[in-house]
């Protein structure tokens, strides 16, 4: 009889410990999830948060608010990202045409090694502005997760569209047309 009571107490203790562990896990999850709500999450139709970043290879900076009145394509990428490499030639192909139509393409690089970025820019012969976000401040400001991620901002400064993943040439051109001030 004593053994049965001991087994019951052990089972009860294990059950209580398991329930306590689950409860602690839920509290930790709630705290972490609540902390993430403090981040600025951007959504379609909202004003794009302003930022200022240095252009790669220069001392010149670009401030988003200085581009009001133009459409802006804001692409987050890195040299190690295969899908990012796939869409770069499309961005280069359309850059001059849409620059003339009042659309600026800004590629926000998330790499920390300048030599790697320089080699990439030279290999792909990129002429559009590459901005450096070494510390990830703008990535965090826009709550960017997977890359490539691209935001299309209309001339009024509002987010027209957000695309996660690589863009085809056709889709890219369609989005650029949507944010062109001349359309």
Protein backbone atom coordinates (compact mmCIF):
# COMPACT_ATOMS: atom_id res chain seq x y z
CA UNK A 1 0.00 0.00 0.00
CA UNK A 2 2.82 2.36 0.89
CA UNK A 3 4.45 1.76 -2.50
CA UNK A 4 1.22 2.68 -4.31
CA UNK A 5 1.03 5.97 -2.38
CA UNK A 6 4.65 6.76 -3.22
CA UNK A 7 4.03 6.08 -6.94
CA UNK A 8 0.95 8.33 -6.90
CA UNK A 9 2.93 11.12 -5.24
CA UNK A 10 5.72 10.73 -7.82
CA UNK A 11 3.21 10.90 -10.69
CA UNK A 12 1.58 13.95 -9.14
CA UNK A 13 5.00 15.61 -8.71
CA UNK A 14 5.95 14.88 -12.34
CA UNK A 15 2.57 16.19 -13.56
CA UNK A 16 2.94 19.39 -11.53
CA UNK A 17 6.52 19.92 -12.73
CA UNK A 18 5.39 19.46 -16.34
CA UNK A 19 2.51 21.91 -15.88
CA UNK A 20 4.85 24.43 -14.25
CA UNK A 21 7.29 24.09 -17.16
CA UNK A 22 4.46 24.67 -19.67
CA UNK A 23 3.24 27.71 -17.74
CA UNK A 24 6.75 29.20 -17.59
CA UNK A 25 7.11 28.58 -21.33
CA UNK A 26 3.84 30.40 -22.01
CA UNK A 27 4.90 33.37 -19.89
CA UNK A 28 8.26 33.58 -21.68
CA UNK A 29 6.50 33.35 -25.07
CA UNK A 30 4.06 36.12 -24.09
CA UNK A 31 6.90 38.38 -22.97
CA UNK A 32 8.92 37.79 -26.14
CA UNK A 33 5.89 38.26 -28.40
CA UNK A 34 4.91 41.45 -26.56
CA UNK A 35 8.44 42.84 -26.91
CA UNK A 36 8.30 42.38 -30.69
CA UNK A 37 5.19 44.58 -30.86
CA UNK A 38 7.44 47.55 -30.08
CA UNK A 39 9.13 47.20 -33.46
CA UNK A 40 7.86 49.35 -36.28
CA UNK A 41 6.08 47.03 -38.66
CA UNK A 42 5.34 48.55 -42.01
CA UNK A 43 2.25 47.66 -43.95
CA UNK A 44 0.75 48.53 -47.30
CA UNK A 45 -0.76 52.01 -47.21
CA UNK A 46 1.35 53.24 -44.29
CA UNK A 47 3.97 55.96 -44.52
CA UNK A 48 7.45 54.55 -45.02
CA UNK A 49 9.69 55.30 -42.01
CA UNK A 50 12.47 57.76 -42.81
CA UNK A 51 16.10 56.70 -42.65
CA UNK A 52 19.53 57.80 -43.77
CA UNK A 53 22.25 55.43 -45.01
CA UNK A 54 25.65 55.83 -46.60
CA UNK A 55 26.06 54.96 -50.27
CA UNK A 56 28.51 52.13 -50.80
CA UNK A 57 32.01 53.28 -51.69
CA UNK A 58 31.35 56.98 -51.00
CA UNK A 59 30.82 59.39 -48.13
CA UNK A 60 27.49 60.42 -49.68
CA UNK A 61 24.32 59.55 -47.79
CA UNK A 62 20.76 58.98 -48.96
CA UNK A 63 17.77 60.05 -46.87
CA UNK A 64 14.43 58.55 -47.86
CA UNK A 65 12.51 61.77 -47.10
CA UNK A 66 14.69 63.60 -49.68
CA UNK A 67 13.15 61.38 -52.37
CA UNK A 68 9.54 62.46 -51.73
CA UNK A 69 7.82 63.10 -55.03
CA UNK A 70 9.61 60.12 -56.59
CA UNK A 71 8.71 56.46 -56.51
CA UNK A 72 11.20 54.41 -54.50
CA UNK A 73 11.99 50.73 -54.71
CA UNK A 74 13.67 49.68 -51.47
CA UNK A 75 15.33 46.27 -51.83
CA UNK A 76 16.97 44.45 -48.88
CA UNK A 77 19.63 41.97 -49.98
CA UNK A 78 23.00 40.35 -49.24
CA UNK A 79 25.75 38.83 -51.38
CA UNK A 80 25.27 35.38 -49.82
CA UNK A 81 21.58 35.29 -50.84
CA UNK A 82 21.06 33.26 -54.03
CA UNK A 83 17.61 34.70 -54.90
CA UNK A 84 19.05 38.21 -54.38
CA UNK A 85 21.65 37.45 -57.04
CA UNK A 86 18.90 36.33 -59.42
CA UNK A 87 16.98 39.62 -59.28
CA UNK A 88 19.93 42.04 -59.44
CA UNK A 89 20.26 41.88 -63.27
CA UNK A 90 16.54 42.76 -63.59
CA UNK A 91 16.98 45.78 -61.34
CA UNK A 92 19.99 46.89 -63.37
CA UNK A 93 18.14 46.37 -66.65
CA UNK A 94 15.25 48.63 -65.60
CA UNK A 95 17.19 51.21 -63.57
CA UNK A 96 17.97 53.84 -66.23
CA UNK A 97 14.50 53.70 -67.79
CA UNK A 98 12.68 54.15 -64.48
CA UNK A 99 15.18 56.67 -63.12
CA UNK A 100 14.10 58.90 -66.04
CA UNK A 101 10.46 58.33 -65.06
CA UNK A 102 11.09 59.51 -61.49
CA UNK A 103 11.63 56.16 -59.75
CA UNK A 104 14.73 55.52 -57.62
CA UNK A 105 15.98 52.00 -56.97
CA UNK A 106 17.78 51.67 -53.63
CA UNK A 107 19.41 48.37 -52.74
CA UNK A 108 20.03 48.11 -48.99
CA UNK A 109 22.94 45.74 -48.45
CA UNK A 110 23.09 43.75 -45.22
CA UNK A 111 26.66 42.41 -45.57
CA UNK A 112 29.38 43.67 -43.26
CA UNK A 113 32.42 43.05 -45.48
CA UNK A 114 33.02 45.86 -47.96
CA UNK A 115 35.35 43.85 -50.20
CA UNK A 116 32.70 41.18 -50.77
CA UNK A 117 30.11 43.84 -51.67
CA UNK A 118 32.57 45.64 -53.94
CA UNK A 119 33.32 42.40 -55.82
CA UNK A 120 29.60 41.70 -56.15
CA UNK A 121 28.82 45.20 -57.48
CA UNK A 122 31.65 44.90 -60.00
CA UNK A 123 30.68 41.37 -61.07
CA UNK A 124 27.08 42.42 -61.75
CA UNK A 125 28.07 45.86 -63.05
CA UNK A 126 25.48 47.58 -60.86
CA UNK A 127 24.86 51.29 -61.35
CA UNK A 128 21.92 51.91 -58.98
CA UNK A 129 22.66 53.11 -55.43
CA UNK A 130 23.82 50.43 -53.00
CA UNK A 131 23.23 51.53 -49.42
CA UNK A 132 25.10 50.05 -46.46
CA UNK A 133 23.10 48.83 -43.47
CA UNK A 134 25.95 47.06 -41.64
CA UNK A 135 24.28 47.21 -38.23
CA UNK A 136 20.82 46.35 -39.55
CA UNK A 137 19.11 49.51 -38.22
CA UNK A 138 16.98 50.05 -41.34
CA UNK A 139 16.28 46.32 -41.62
CA UNK A 140 14.95 46.43 -38.05
CA UNK A 141 13.06 49.67 -38.66
CA UNK A 142 11.19 48.00 -41.53
CA UNK A 143 10.88 44.69 -39.65
CA UNK A 144 12.50 42.77 -42.52
CA UNK A 145 12.68 39.00 -42.11
CA UNK A 146 13.65 36.86 -45.07
CA UNK A 147 15.65 38.36 -47.93
CA UNK A 148 15.29 39.45 -50.58
CA UNK A 149 12.49 41.71 -49.40
CA UNK A 150 11.38 44.68 -51.46
CA UNK A 151 9.15 47.62 -50.66
CA UNK A 152 7.64 49.84 -53.32
CA UNK A 153 7.01 53.36 -52.03
CA UNK A 154 4.80 55.78 -53.97
CA UNK A 155 5.70 59.46 -54.61
CA UNK A 156 3.68 60.50 -51.51
CA UNK A 157 5.95 58.36 -49.32
CA UNK A 158 3.45 55.56 -48.61
CA UNK A 159 4.14 51.87 -49.01
CA UNK A 160 2.37 50.65 -52.11
CA UNK A 161 3.51 47.02 -51.93
CA UNK A 162 5.85 44.70 -50.01
CA UNK A 163 7.26 41.62 -51.74
CA UNK A 164 9.12 38.88 -49.87
CA UNK A 165 11.26 36.75 -52.14
CA UNK A 166 12.81 37.28 -55.55
CA UNK A 167 11.13 39.31 -58.27
CA UNK A 168 10.83 38.31 -61.91
CA UNK A 169 11.54 40.94 -64.54
CA UNK A 170 7.82 41.21 -65.39
CA UNK A 171 6.69 41.60 -61.77
CA UNK A 172 9.45 44.11 -61.05
CA UNK A 173 8.47 46.22 -64.03
CA UNK A 174 4.80 46.10 -63.02
CA UNK A 175 5.54 47.34 -59.50
CA UNK A 176 7.85 50.07 -60.82
CA UNK A 177 5.08 51.26 -63.14
CA UNK A 178 2.68 51.44 -60.17
CA UNK A 179 4.95 53.82 -58.23
CA UNK A 180 6.08 55.94 -61.19
CA UNK A 181 5.00 59.58 -60.81
CA UNK A 182 4.60 59.80 -64.61
CA UNK A 183 2.02 56.99 -64.85
